[in-house]
């Protein structure tokens, strides 16, 4: 069927773009669609976890000094910061992968679409390509904006860590408060950009599902 063929042409590239898997013609049809959707789902889960990590980091920064064990508070803050740094690095690597794989995506599309024999099928394929490309561009842009939000937030929180590590006293903690407040404002931007990227991914996952949406419940 044309629809099945079009799905096999459209879907494989997003795996390569989002999770850096190689392009190829293996696993045609539903198996490859499901693999692609699984890759997008993993990326979406990473974004959802990242949102919680941002909240935890802000809370940990504000909690340093709230009890008598300043060192323990700093250790908890540092651990939370390391998790956010890891997520930020993953966002950056996947954004770079999306940019770097664009040419491979276009080449794979052309090679597979060339196997279509009728003008009608090619027209449909081209329309699906335009739709997929517009979604892909939106996801790429969203990840670029998310990276741009993570960068200052991580840098600001790292400054807080250095300030606290160098002066882990009541006075030093109080002096770091403005830097924590500034980072907290940046956290709001990270959450907003992550929510936008997550929504776009959810839409792509839905459009690539090999299962029908459940019927609405009877009233």
N, C-alpha and C. Protein backbone atom coordinates (compact mmCIF):
# COMPACT_ATOMS: atom_id res chain seq x y z
N UNK A 1 0.84 -1.20 0.00
CA UNK A 1 0.00 0.00 0.00
C UNK A 1 0.87 1.25 0.00
N UNK A 2 0.37 2.34 -0.57
CA UNK A 2 1.13 3.58 -0.64
C UNK A 2 1.43 4.11 0.74
N UNK A 3 0.43 4.09 1.61
CA UNK A 3 0.63 4.66 2.93
C UNK A 3 1.76 3.97 3.67
N UNK A 4 1.80 2.63 3.61
CA UNK A 4 2.86 1.89 4.29
C UNK A 4 4.21 2.25 3.71
N UNK A 5 4.28 2.38 2.38
CA UNK A 5 5.53 2.74 1.74
C UNK A 5 5.99 4.12 2.15
N UNK A 6 5.05 5.04 2.22
CA UNK A 6 5.40 6.40 2.60
C UNK A 6 5.92 6.45 4.02
N UNK A 7 5.28 5.71 4.91
CA UNK A 7 5.75 5.69 6.28
C UNK A 7 7.19 5.17 6.36
N UNK A 8 7.51 4.14 5.56
CA UNK A 8 8.85 3.59 5.61
C UNK A 8 9.86 4.58 5.05
N UNK A 9 9.44 5.45 4.15
CA UNK A 9 10.33 6.48 3.62
C UNK A 9 10.52 7.59 4.63
N UNK A 10 9.44 7.99 5.27
CA UNK A 10 9.48 9.16 6.14
C UNK A 10 10.18 8.89 7.46
N UNK A 11 9.87 7.79 8.12
CA UNK A 11 10.19 7.64 9.52
C UNK A 11 11.63 7.33 9.90
N UNK A 12 12.42 6.57 9.09
CA UNK A 12 13.72 6.13 9.59
C UNK A 12 14.65 7.26 9.94
N UNK A 13 14.56 8.38 9.27
CA UNK A 13 15.53 9.44 9.44
C UNK A 13 15.48 10.07 10.82
N UNK A 14 14.31 10.09 11.44
CA UNK A 14 14.23 10.75 12.73
C UNK A 14 15.00 9.99 13.78
N UNK A 15 15.11 8.68 13.64
CA UNK A 15 15.94 7.94 14.58
C UNK A 15 17.37 8.45 14.49
N UNK A 16 17.88 8.58 13.28
CA UNK A 16 19.24 9.05 13.11
C UNK A 16 19.40 10.47 13.63
N UNK A 17 18.39 11.28 13.41
CA UNK A 17 18.50 12.68 13.80
C UNK A 17 18.39 12.87 15.30
N UNK A 18 17.55 12.10 15.95
CA UNK A 18 17.32 12.32 17.38
C UNK A 18 18.17 11.43 18.25
N UNK A 19 18.45 10.22 17.83
CA UNK A 19 19.20 9.32 18.70
C UNK A 19 20.47 8.80 18.04
N UNK A 20 20.87 9.40 16.92
CA UNK A 20 22.16 9.14 16.29
C UNK A 20 22.34 7.69 15.85
N UNK A 21 21.25 7.04 15.45
CA UNK A 21 21.37 5.71 14.87
C UNK A 21 21.62 5.84 13.37
N UNK A 22 22.29 4.87 12.75
CA UNK A 22 22.61 4.99 11.32
C UNK A 22 21.39 4.86 10.44
N UNK A 23 21.43 5.56 9.34
CA UNK A 23 20.38 5.43 8.34
C UNK A 23 20.57 4.14 7.57
N UNK A 24 19.48 3.67 6.99
CA UNK A 24 19.60 2.45 6.20
C UNK A 24 18.25 1.98 5.75
N UNK A 25 18.22 0.89 5.02
CA UNK A 25 16.97 0.40 4.46
C UNK A 25 16.47 -0.86 5.16
N UNK A 26 17.16 -1.27 6.23
CA UNK A 26 16.71 -2.46 6.96
C UNK A 26 15.46 -2.13 7.76
N UNK A 27 14.78 -3.19 8.17
CA UNK A 27 13.58 -3.03 8.99
C UNK A 27 12.55 -2.12 8.33
N UNK A 28 12.10 -2.48 7.16
CA UNK A 28 11.11 -1.70 6.45
C UNK A 28 9.78 -1.74 7.19
N UNK A 29 8.96 -0.72 6.96
CA UNK A 29 7.59 -0.73 7.41
C UNK A 29 7.40 -0.57 8.90
N UNK A 30 6.39 -1.26 9.45
CA UNK A 30 6.01 -1.05 10.85
C UNK A 30 7.14 -1.21 11.86
N UNK A 31 8.05 -2.19 11.65
CA UNK A 31 9.13 -2.39 12.61
C UNK A 31 10.01 -1.16 12.70
N UNK A 32 10.28 -0.55 11.56
CA UNK A 32 11.14 0.62 11.56
C UNK A 32 10.40 1.84 12.12
N UNK A 33 9.11 1.93 11.84
CA UNK A 33 8.31 3.02 12.40
C UNK A 33 8.33 2.93 13.92
N UNK A 34 8.13 1.71 14.44
CA UNK A 34 8.12 1.52 15.88
C UNK A 34 9.48 1.86 16.50
N UNK A 35 10.56 1.51 15.81
CA UNK A 35 11.90 1.83 16.31
C UNK A 35 12.09 3.34 16.38
N UNK A 36 11.60 4.02 15.35
CA UNK A 36 11.70 5.48 15.32
C UNK A 36 10.92 6.09 16.46
N UNK A 37 9.67 5.62 16.64
CA UNK A 37 8.83 6.15 17.70
C UNK A 37 9.45 5.90 19.07
N UNK A 38 10.08 4.74 19.25
CA UNK A 38 10.74 4.44 20.51
C UNK A 38 11.88 5.42 20.76
N UNK A 39 12.63 5.77 19.70
CA UNK A 39 13.70 6.74 19.85
C UNK A 39 13.18 8.11 20.25
N UNK A 40 12.09 8.53 19.63
CA UNK A 40 11.49 9.81 19.99
C UNK A 40 10.96 9.78 21.41
N UNK A 41 10.40 8.64 21.81
CA UNK A 41 9.87 8.51 23.16
C UNK A 41 10.98 8.62 24.20
N UNK A 42 12.12 8.02 23.91
CA UNK A 42 13.26 8.13 24.81
C UNK A 42 13.69 9.59 24.97
N UNK A 43 13.71 10.32 23.86
CA UNK A 43 14.09 11.72 23.91
C UNK A 43 13.07 12.53 24.70
N UNK A 44 11.81 12.21 24.50
CA UNK A 44 10.77 12.91 25.25
C UNK A 44 10.89 12.63 26.75
N UNK A 45 11.16 11.38 27.11
CA UNK A 45 11.33 11.04 28.52
C UNK A 45 12.50 11.80 29.12
N UNK A 46 13.56 11.97 28.34
CA UNK A 46 14.71 12.73 28.81
C UNK A 46 14.31 14.16 29.14
N UNK A 47 13.46 14.75 28.30
CA UNK A 47 13.01 16.12 28.54
C UNK A 47 12.14 16.20 29.79
N UNK A 48 11.26 15.23 29.97
CA UNK A 48 10.38 15.23 31.13
C UNK A 48 11.19 15.07 32.42
N UNK A 49 12.17 14.19 32.42
CA UNK A 49 13.03 14.03 33.59
C UNK A 49 13.85 15.30 33.83
N UNK A 50 14.27 15.91 32.76
CA UNK A 50 15.07 17.13 32.88
C UNK A 50 14.31 18.24 33.58
N UNK A 51 13.01 18.31 33.35
CA UNK A 51 12.19 19.33 34.00
C UNK A 51 12.22 19.14 35.51
N UNK A 52 12.09 17.90 35.96
CA UNK A 52 12.16 17.61 37.38
C UNK A 52 13.54 17.89 37.95
N UNK A 53 14.57 17.64 37.16
CA UNK A 53 15.93 17.90 37.62
C UNK A 53 16.18 19.38 37.83
N UNK A 54 15.60 20.20 36.98
CA UNK A 54 15.74 21.65 37.13
C UNK A 54 15.10 22.11 38.44
N UNK A 55 13.91 21.61 38.71
CA UNK A 55 13.23 21.95 39.96
C UNK A 55 14.05 21.51 41.16
N UNK A 56 14.59 20.28 41.08
CA UNK A 56 15.37 19.74 42.20
C UNK A 56 16.65 20.55 42.43
N UNK A 57 17.26 21.01 41.35
CA UNK A 57 18.49 21.79 41.48
C UNK A 57 18.21 23.14 42.15
N UNK A 58 17.17 23.81 41.72
CA UNK A 58 16.82 25.09 42.34
C UNK A 58 16.52 24.89 43.82
N UNK A 59 15.77 23.85 44.14
CA UNK A 59 15.43 23.56 45.53
C UNK A 59 16.69 23.26 46.35
N UNK A 60 17.62 22.50 45.77
CA UNK A 60 18.84 22.15 46.48
C UNK A 60 19.72 23.37 46.72
N UNK A 61 19.76 24.28 45.75
CA UNK A 61 20.55 25.50 45.92
C UNK A 61 19.99 26.36 47.05
N UNK A 62 18.68 26.48 47.10
CA UNK A 62 18.04 27.28 48.13
C UNK A 62 18.10 26.61 49.50
N UNK A 63 18.29 25.29 49.51
CA UNK A 63 18.31 24.55 50.78
C UNK A 63 19.66 24.58 51.48
N UNK A 64 20.73 24.94 50.75
CA UNK A 64 22.05 24.99 51.38
C UNK A 64 22.01 26.02 52.52
N UNK A 65 22.37 25.58 53.69
CA UNK A 65 22.37 26.49 54.82
C UNK A 65 21.10 26.50 55.63
N UNK A 66 20.11 25.72 55.23
CA UNK A 66 18.85 25.72 55.97
C UNK A 66 18.90 24.79 57.17
N UNK A 67 19.96 23.98 57.27
CA UNK A 67 20.18 23.18 58.48
C UNK A 67 21.63 23.33 58.91
N UNK A 68 22.00 22.68 59.96
CA UNK A 68 23.33 22.90 60.51
C UNK A 68 24.47 22.30 59.72
N UNK A 69 24.17 21.38 58.81
CA UNK A 69 25.23 20.70 58.06
C UNK A 69 25.38 21.35 56.68
N UNK A 70 26.17 22.40 56.61
CA UNK A 70 26.37 23.12 55.35
C UNK A 70 27.02 22.22 54.29
N UNK A 71 27.97 21.39 54.73
CA UNK A 71 28.67 20.52 53.78
C UNK A 71 27.70 19.55 53.12
N UNK A 72 26.81 18.95 53.90
CA UNK A 72 25.84 18.02 53.34
C UNK A 72 24.94 18.72 52.33
N UNK A 73 24.54 19.95 52.64
CA UNK A 73 23.70 20.72 51.71
C UNK A 73 24.42 20.99 50.40
N UNK A 74 25.72 21.32 50.50
CA UNK A 74 26.50 21.57 49.29
C UNK A 74 26.65 20.30 48.46
N UNK A 75 26.85 19.17 49.12
CA UNK A 75 26.98 17.90 48.40
C UNK A 75 25.69 17.56 47.65
N UNK A 76 24.54 17.79 48.28
CA UNK A 76 23.26 17.53 47.62
C UNK A 76 23.07 18.46 46.43
N UNK A 77 23.45 19.70 46.60
CA UNK A 77 23.36 20.67 45.50
C UNK A 77 24.27 20.28 44.34
N UNK A 78 25.49 19.85 44.66
CA UNK A 78 26.45 19.45 43.62
C UNK A 78 25.94 18.24 42.85
N UNK A 79 25.34 17.27 43.56
CA UNK A 79 24.80 16.08 42.90
C UNK A 79 23.66 16.46 41.96
N UNK A 80 22.81 17.38 42.40
CA UNK A 80 21.70 17.84 41.55
C UNK A 80 22.22 18.58 40.33
N UNK A 81 23.27 19.37 40.53
CA UNK A 81 23.87 20.10 39.41
C UNK A 81 24.47 19.15 38.39
N UNK A 82 25.11 18.08 38.85
CA UNK A 82 25.70 17.11 37.92
C UNK A 82 24.64 16.47 37.04
N UNK A 83 23.47 16.18 37.60
CA UNK A 83 22.39 15.59 36.81
C UNK A 83 21.91 16.57 35.72
N UNK A 84 21.77 17.82 36.09
CA UNK A 84 21.33 18.82 35.11
C UNK A 84 22.38 19.01 34.03
N UNK A 85 23.64 19.00 34.42
CA UNK A 85 24.71 19.11 33.43
C UNK A 85 24.65 17.96 32.42
N UNK A 86 24.36 16.76 32.92
CA UNK A 86 24.25 15.62 32.03
C UNK A 86 23.13 15.76 31.04
N UNK A 87 21.98 16.23 31.51
CA UNK A 87 20.84 16.43 30.61
C UNK A 87 21.14 17.53 29.60
N UNK A 88 21.75 18.61 30.07
CA UNK A 88 22.10 19.71 29.16
C UNK A 88 23.05 19.24 28.07
N UNK A 89 24.01 18.38 28.44
CA UNK A 89 24.95 17.85 27.45
C UNK A 89 24.23 16.96 26.44
N UNK A 90 23.24 16.19 26.91
CA UNK A 90 22.47 15.33 26.00
C UNK A 90 21.65 16.18 25.03
N UNK A 91 21.02 17.24 25.53
CA UNK A 91 20.26 18.15 24.67
C UNK A 91 21.17 18.73 23.59
N UNK A 92 22.37 19.15 23.98
CA UNK A 92 23.31 19.71 23.02
C UNK A 92 23.72 18.69 21.97
N UNK A 93 24.03 17.45 22.40
CA UNK A 93 24.49 16.44 21.45
C UNK A 93 23.37 16.05 20.48
N UNK A 94 22.14 15.99 20.95
CA UNK A 94 21.04 15.62 20.05
C UNK A 94 20.71 16.76 19.10
N UNK A 95 20.83 17.98 19.57
CA UNK A 95 20.63 19.14 18.69
C UNK A 95 21.68 19.13 17.59
N UNK A 96 22.94 18.88 17.96
CA UNK A 96 24.01 18.84 16.97
C UNK A 96 23.81 17.68 16.00
N UNK A 97 23.31 16.55 16.52
CA UNK A 97 23.05 15.40 15.65
C UNK A 97 21.97 15.73 14.63
N UNK A 98 20.92 16.43 15.07
CA UNK A 98 19.85 16.82 14.16
C UNK A 98 20.40 17.66 13.01
N UNK A 99 21.28 18.60 13.34
CA UNK A 99 21.84 19.45 12.29
C UNK A 99 22.75 18.64 11.37
N UNK A 100 23.59 17.80 11.96
CA UNK A 100 24.57 17.07 11.18
C UNK A 100 23.98 15.99 10.29
N UNK A 101 22.80 15.47 10.66
CA UNK A 101 22.19 14.38 9.90
C UNK A 101 21.21 14.86 8.84
N UNK A 102 21.00 16.15 8.74
CA UNK A 102 20.00 16.66 7.79
C UNK A 102 20.30 16.24 6.36
N UNK A 103 21.58 16.33 5.97
CA UNK A 103 21.95 15.96 4.60
C UNK A 103 21.70 14.48 4.35
N UNK A 104 22.01 13.63 5.35
CA UNK A 104 21.77 12.20 5.20
C UNK A 104 20.28 11.90 5.10
N UNK A 105 19.49 12.63 5.85
CA UNK A 105 18.03 12.47 5.77
C UNK A 105 17.53 12.77 4.36
N UNK A 106 17.98 13.90 3.80
CA UNK A 106 17.52 14.29 2.47
C UNK A 106 17.93 13.25 1.42
N UNK A 107 19.16 12.74 1.55
CA UNK A 107 19.64 11.74 0.59
C UNK A 107 18.83 10.44 0.70
N UNK A 108 18.58 9.99 1.93
CA UNK A 108 17.83 8.76 2.13
C UNK A 108 16.41 8.91 1.59
N UNK A 109 15.82 10.06 1.83
CA UNK A 109 14.46 10.30 1.32
C UNK A 109 14.44 10.18 -0.20
N UNK A 110 15.36 10.85 -0.88
CA UNK A 110 15.39 10.85 -2.34
C UNK A 110 15.59 9.44 -2.89
N UNK A 111 16.49 8.68 -2.27
CA UNK A 111 16.77 7.33 -2.75
C UNK A 111 15.55 6.41 -2.60
N UNK A 112 14.86 6.50 -1.46
CA UNK A 112 13.73 5.62 -1.24
C UNK A 112 12.50 6.08 -2.02
N UNK A 113 12.31 7.39 -2.11
CA UNK A 113 11.16 7.90 -2.85
C UNK A 113 11.29 7.61 -4.34
N UNK A 114 12.53 7.46 -4.81
CA UNK A 114 12.76 7.18 -6.23
C UNK A 114 12.21 5.82 -6.64
N UNK A 115 11.93 4.95 -5.67
CA UNK A 115 11.39 3.64 -6.00
C UNK A 115 9.89 3.67 -6.30
N UNK A 116 9.23 4.80 -6.00
CA UNK A 116 7.81 4.92 -6.30
C UNK A 116 7.63 5.05 -7.81
N UNK A 117 6.62 4.35 -8.34
CA UNK A 117 6.50 4.24 -9.79
C UNK A 117 5.47 5.16 -10.42
N UNK A 118 4.52 5.69 -9.65
CA UNK A 118 3.48 6.52 -10.25
C UNK A 118 3.63 7.98 -9.82
N UNK A 119 3.15 8.87 -10.69
CA UNK A 119 3.17 10.30 -10.36
C UNK A 119 2.34 10.59 -9.10
N UNK A 120 1.22 9.90 -8.98
CA UNK A 120 0.36 10.11 -7.82
C UNK A 120 1.09 9.76 -6.53
N UNK A 121 1.78 8.63 -6.54
CA UNK A 121 2.52 8.21 -5.35
C UNK A 121 3.64 9.19 -5.04
N UNK A 122 4.33 9.67 -6.09
CA UNK A 122 5.41 10.63 -5.86
C UNK A 122 4.87 11.94 -5.31
N UNK A 123 3.71 12.37 -5.80
CA UNK A 123 3.10 13.60 -5.29
C UNK A 123 2.75 13.46 -3.81
N UNK A 124 2.20 12.30 -3.47
CA UNK A 124 1.86 12.05 -2.06
C UNK A 124 3.13 12.04 -1.22
N UNK A 125 4.17 11.38 -1.73
CA UNK A 125 5.43 11.31 -1.00
C UNK A 125 6.02 12.70 -0.77
N UNK A 126 5.95 13.53 -1.81
CA UNK A 126 6.49 14.89 -1.67
C UNK A 126 5.71 15.70 -0.65
N UNK A 127 4.40 15.51 -0.62
CA UNK A 127 3.58 16.21 0.37
C UNK A 127 3.92 15.75 1.78
N UNK A 128 4.11 14.44 1.94
CA UNK A 128 4.48 13.90 3.25
C UNK A 128 5.87 14.37 3.64
N UNK A 129 6.75 14.49 2.65
CA UNK A 129 8.10 14.97 2.94
C UNK A 129 8.05 16.40 3.46
N UNK A 130 7.24 17.24 2.81
CA UNK A 130 7.14 18.63 3.26
C UNK A 130 6.59 18.72 4.67
N UNK A 131 5.58 17.89 4.95
CA UNK A 131 4.99 17.89 6.29
C UNK A 131 6.02 17.43 7.32
N UNK A 132 6.71 16.33 7.01
CA UNK A 132 7.71 15.82 7.93
C UNK A 132 8.84 16.83 8.14
N UNK A 133 9.27 17.46 7.04
CA UNK A 133 10.37 18.41 7.12
C UNK A 133 10.00 19.60 7.99
N UNK A 134 8.75 20.07 7.85
CA UNK A 134 8.33 21.22 8.67
C UNK A 134 8.33 20.85 10.15
N UNK A 135 7.90 19.62 10.45
CA UNK A 135 7.93 19.16 11.84
C UNK A 135 9.37 19.04 12.34
N UNK A 136 10.23 18.51 11.49
CA UNK A 136 11.62 18.32 11.86
C UNK A 136 12.31 19.65 12.11
N UNK A 137 12.05 20.63 11.24
CA UNK A 137 12.63 21.96 11.44
C UNK A 137 12.16 22.56 12.76
N UNK A 138 10.89 22.35 13.09
CA UNK A 138 10.36 22.87 14.35
C UNK A 138 11.05 22.21 15.55
N UNK A 139 11.27 20.89 15.47
CA UNK A 139 11.94 20.19 16.56
C UNK A 139 13.39 20.65 16.68
N UNK A 140 14.07 20.78 15.55
CA UNK A 140 15.45 21.27 15.57
C UNK A 140 15.52 22.65 16.22
N UNK A 141 14.62 23.53 15.83
CA UNK A 141 14.60 24.88 16.38
C UNK A 141 14.32 24.85 17.88
N UNK A 142 13.38 23.99 18.29
CA UNK A 142 13.03 23.90 19.71
C UNK A 142 14.22 23.40 20.53
N UNK A 143 14.96 22.42 19.99
CA UNK A 143 16.12 21.93 20.72
C UNK A 143 17.23 22.98 20.77
N UNK A 144 17.36 23.76 19.71
CA UNK A 144 18.34 24.84 19.73
C UNK A 144 18.00 25.87 20.79
N UNK A 145 16.71 26.20 20.89
CA UNK A 145 16.28 27.16 21.91
C UNK A 145 16.45 26.58 23.31
N UNK A 146 16.20 25.28 23.46
CA UNK A 146 16.37 24.64 24.77
C UNK A 146 17.84 24.65 25.18
N UNK A 147 18.73 24.34 24.23
CA UNK A 147 20.15 24.42 24.52
C UNK A 147 20.52 25.83 24.95
N UNK A 148 19.98 26.82 24.23
CA UNK A 148 20.26 28.20 24.57
C UNK A 148 19.76 28.60 25.95
N UNK A 149 18.73 27.91 26.44
CA UNK A 149 18.22 28.18 27.78
C UNK A 149 19.04 27.44 28.84
N UNK A 150 19.46 26.22 28.53
CA UNK A 150 20.26 25.45 29.49
C UNK A 150 21.63 26.08 29.73
N UNK A 151 22.25 26.59 28.69
CA UNK A 151 23.63 27.08 28.81
C UNK A 151 23.80 28.12 29.92
N UNK A 152 23.02 29.21 29.92
CA UNK A 152 23.20 30.19 31.00
C UNK A 152 22.77 29.67 32.36
N UNK A 153 21.72 28.84 32.38
CA UNK A 153 21.25 28.29 33.65
C UNK A 153 22.34 27.44 34.31
N UNK A 154 22.94 26.54 33.53
CA UNK A 154 24.00 25.69 34.07
C UNK A 154 25.20 26.53 34.50
N UNK A 155 25.56 27.53 33.70
CA UNK A 155 26.69 28.39 34.03
C UNK A 155 26.43 29.15 35.33
N UNK A 156 25.21 29.65 35.49
CA UNK A 156 24.88 30.40 36.70
C UNK A 156 24.89 29.50 37.93
N UNK A 157 24.34 28.29 37.79
CA UNK A 157 24.35 27.37 38.92
C UNK A 157 25.76 26.90 39.23
N UNK A 158 26.60 26.79 38.24
CA UNK A 158 27.99 26.41 38.49
C UNK A 158 28.70 27.53 39.24
N UNK A 159 28.38 28.77 38.91
CA UNK A 159 28.94 29.91 39.66
C UNK A 159 28.52 29.83 41.13
N UNK A 160 27.27 29.48 41.36
CA UNK A 160 26.78 29.34 42.73
C UNK A 160 27.58 28.26 43.47
N UNK A 161 27.81 27.14 42.78
CA UNK A 161 28.57 26.06 43.41
C UNK A 161 29.97 26.52 43.80
N UNK A 162 30.63 27.24 42.89
CA UNK A 162 31.97 27.73 43.18
C UNK A 162 31.96 28.70 44.35
N UNK A 163 31.00 29.61 44.36
CA UNK A 163 30.89 30.57 45.46
C UNK A 163 30.73 29.85 46.79
N UNK A 164 29.84 28.87 46.82
CA UNK A 164 29.59 28.15 48.06
C UNK A 164 30.78 27.28 48.47
N UNK A 165 31.40 26.63 47.50
CA UNK A 165 32.54 25.78 47.81
C UNK A 165 33.70 26.59 48.38
N UNK A 166 33.87 27.82 47.92
CA UNK A 166 34.97 28.66 48.38
C UNK A 166 34.67 29.36 49.70
N UNK A 167 33.39 29.47 50.04
CA UNK A 167 33.03 30.18 51.27
C UNK A 167 31.76 29.57 51.85
N UNK A 168 31.92 28.36 52.37
CA UNK A 168 30.77 27.63 52.91
C UNK A 168 30.56 28.02 54.37
N UNK A 169 30.15 29.27 54.53
CA UNK A 169 29.84 29.83 55.84
C UNK A 169 28.48 30.50 55.75
N UNK A 170 27.93 30.90 56.88
CA UNK A 170 26.65 31.59 56.87
C UNK A 170 26.73 32.85 56.02
N UNK A 171 27.85 33.56 56.16
CA UNK A 171 28.02 34.78 55.36
C UNK A 171 28.15 34.48 53.88
N UNK A 172 28.91 33.42 53.54
CA UNK A 172 29.08 33.06 52.14
C UNK A 172 27.79 32.60 51.50
N UNK A 173 26.97 31.86 52.26
CA UNK A 173 25.69 31.41 51.74
C UNK A 173 24.76 32.59 51.49
N UNK A 174 24.77 33.53 52.41
CA UNK A 174 23.94 34.73 52.23
C UNK A 174 24.40 35.53 51.02
N UNK A 175 25.72 35.61 50.82
CA UNK A 175 26.26 36.38 49.69
C UNK A 175 25.91 35.74 48.35
N UNK A 176 25.70 34.41 48.34
CA UNK A 176 25.38 33.71 47.10
C UNK A 176 23.91 33.81 46.73
N UNK A 177 23.08 34.32 47.63
CA UNK A 177 21.63 34.35 47.41
C UNK A 177 21.24 35.08 46.12
N UNK A 178 21.83 36.26 45.80
CA UNK A 178 21.44 36.92 44.54
C UNK A 178 21.76 36.07 43.30
N UNK A 179 22.87 35.34 43.35
CA UNK A 179 23.22 34.49 42.21
C UNK A 179 22.22 33.35 42.07
N UNK A 180 21.76 32.83 43.21
CA UNK A 180 20.75 31.76 43.17
C UNK A 180 19.44 32.30 42.61
N UNK A 181 19.08 33.50 43.00
CA UNK A 181 17.84 34.11 42.50
C UNK A 181 17.91 34.32 40.99
N UNK A 182 19.06 34.74 40.49
CA UNK A 182 19.24 34.93 39.06
C UNK A 182 19.10 33.61 38.32
N UNK A 183 19.71 32.55 38.86
CA UNK A 183 19.62 31.24 38.24
C UNK A 183 18.19 30.71 38.28
N UNK A 184 17.48 31.01 39.34
CA UNK A 184 16.09 30.57 39.46
C UNK A 184 15.24 31.19 38.34
N UNK A 185 15.51 32.44 38.00
CA UNK A 185 14.79 33.09 36.89
C UNK A 185 15.11 32.39 35.57
N UNK A 186 16.37 31.99 35.39
CA UNK A 186 16.76 31.28 34.17
C UNK A 186 16.09 29.91 34.09
N UNK A 187 15.83 29.31 35.26
CA UNK A 187 15.19 28.00 35.29
C UNK A 187 13.81 28.05 34.65
N UNK A 188 13.11 29.17 34.83
CA UNK A 188 11.77 29.32 34.23
C UNK A 188 11.85 29.25 32.71
N UNK A 189 12.91 29.82 32.14
CA UNK A 189 13.08 29.78 30.69
C UNK A 189 13.39 28.36 30.22
N UNK A 190 14.19 27.62 30.99
CA UNK A 190 14.48 26.23 30.64
C UNK A 190 13.19 25.42 30.62
N UNK A 191 12.35 25.60 31.63
CA UNK A 191 11.10 24.85 31.70
C UNK A 191 10.21 25.16 30.50
N UNK A 192 10.12 26.43 30.14
CA UNK A 192 9.26 26.83 29.02
C UNK A 192 9.76 26.25 27.70
N UNK A 193 11.07 26.31 27.47
CA UNK A 193 11.63 25.78 26.23
C UNK A 193 11.52 24.25 26.18
N UNK A 194 11.70 23.61 27.33
CA UNK A 194 11.56 22.15 27.38
C UNK A 194 10.13 21.72 27.12
N UNK A 195 9.17 22.48 27.64
CA UNK A 195 7.76 22.15 27.42
C UNK A 195 7.41 22.25 25.95
N UNK A 196 7.96 23.24 25.26
CA UNK A 196 7.69 23.39 23.83
C UNK A 196 8.29 22.23 23.04
N UNK A 197 9.54 21.87 23.35
CA UNK A 197 10.19 20.76 22.65
C UNK A 197 9.46 19.45 22.93
N UNK A 198 9.03 19.26 24.16
CA UNK A 198 8.32 18.03 24.51
C UNK A 198 7.00 17.91 23.76
N UNK A 199 6.29 19.03 23.62
CA UNK A 199 5.02 19.01 22.89
C UNK A 199 5.23 18.65 21.43
N UNK A 200 6.25 19.22 20.81
CA UNK A 200 6.53 18.91 19.41
C UNK A 200 6.89 17.44 19.23
N UNK A 201 7.67 16.90 20.16
CA UNK A 201 8.01 15.48 20.10
C UNK A 201 6.77 14.61 20.29
N UNK A 202 5.91 15.00 21.23
CA UNK A 202 4.69 14.22 21.46
C UNK A 202 3.83 14.19 20.20
N UNK A 203 3.77 15.31 19.49
CA UNK A 203 3.00 15.37 18.24
C UNK A 203 3.60 14.44 17.19
N UNK A 204 4.93 14.40 17.11
CA UNK A 204 5.58 13.54 16.12
C UNK A 204 5.40 12.07 16.49
N UNK A 205 5.44 11.77 17.77
CA UNK A 205 5.22 10.39 18.21
C UNK A 205 3.81 9.96 17.83
N UNK A 206 2.84 10.84 18.06
CA UNK A 206 1.46 10.53 17.73
C UNK A 206 1.29 10.32 16.23
N UNK A 207 1.92 11.16 15.43
CA UNK A 207 1.78 11.05 13.97
C UNK A 207 2.48 9.82 13.42
N UNK A 208 3.45 9.26 14.18
CA UNK A 208 4.18 8.10 13.71
C UNK A 208 3.75 6.79 14.32
N UNK A 209 2.67 6.81 15.09
CA UNK A 209 2.24 5.59 15.76
C UNK A 209 1.68 4.58 14.76
N UNK A 210 1.99 3.30 15.00
CA UNK A 210 1.45 2.23 14.16
C UNK A 210 0.17 1.65 14.75
N UNK A 211 -0.30 2.26 15.84
CA UNK A 211 -1.56 1.82 16.47
C UNK A 211 -2.58 2.95 16.39
N UNK A 212 -3.82 2.57 16.15
CA UNK A 212 -4.89 3.56 16.08
C UNK A 212 -5.13 4.16 17.46
N UNK A 213 -5.50 5.43 17.46
CA UNK A 213 -5.84 6.07 18.72
C UNK A 213 -7.06 5.40 19.31
N UNK A 214 -7.13 5.26 20.64
CA UNK A 214 -8.30 4.61 21.24
C UNK A 214 -9.56 5.38 20.97
N UNK A 215 -10.66 4.65 20.79
CA UNK A 215 -11.94 5.30 20.52
C UNK A 215 -12.39 6.08 21.75
N UNK A 216 -13.03 7.21 21.55
CA UNK A 216 -13.52 7.98 22.72
C UNK A 216 -14.53 7.18 23.51
N UNK A 217 -14.54 7.39 24.82
CA UNK A 217 -15.46 6.67 25.68
C UNK A 217 -16.89 7.09 25.38
N UNK A 218 -17.79 6.13 25.46
CA UNK A 218 -19.21 6.43 25.21
C UNK A 218 -19.77 7.30 26.31
N UNK A 219 -20.59 8.25 25.93
CA UNK A 219 -21.20 9.14 26.92
C UNK A 219 -22.50 8.53 27.44
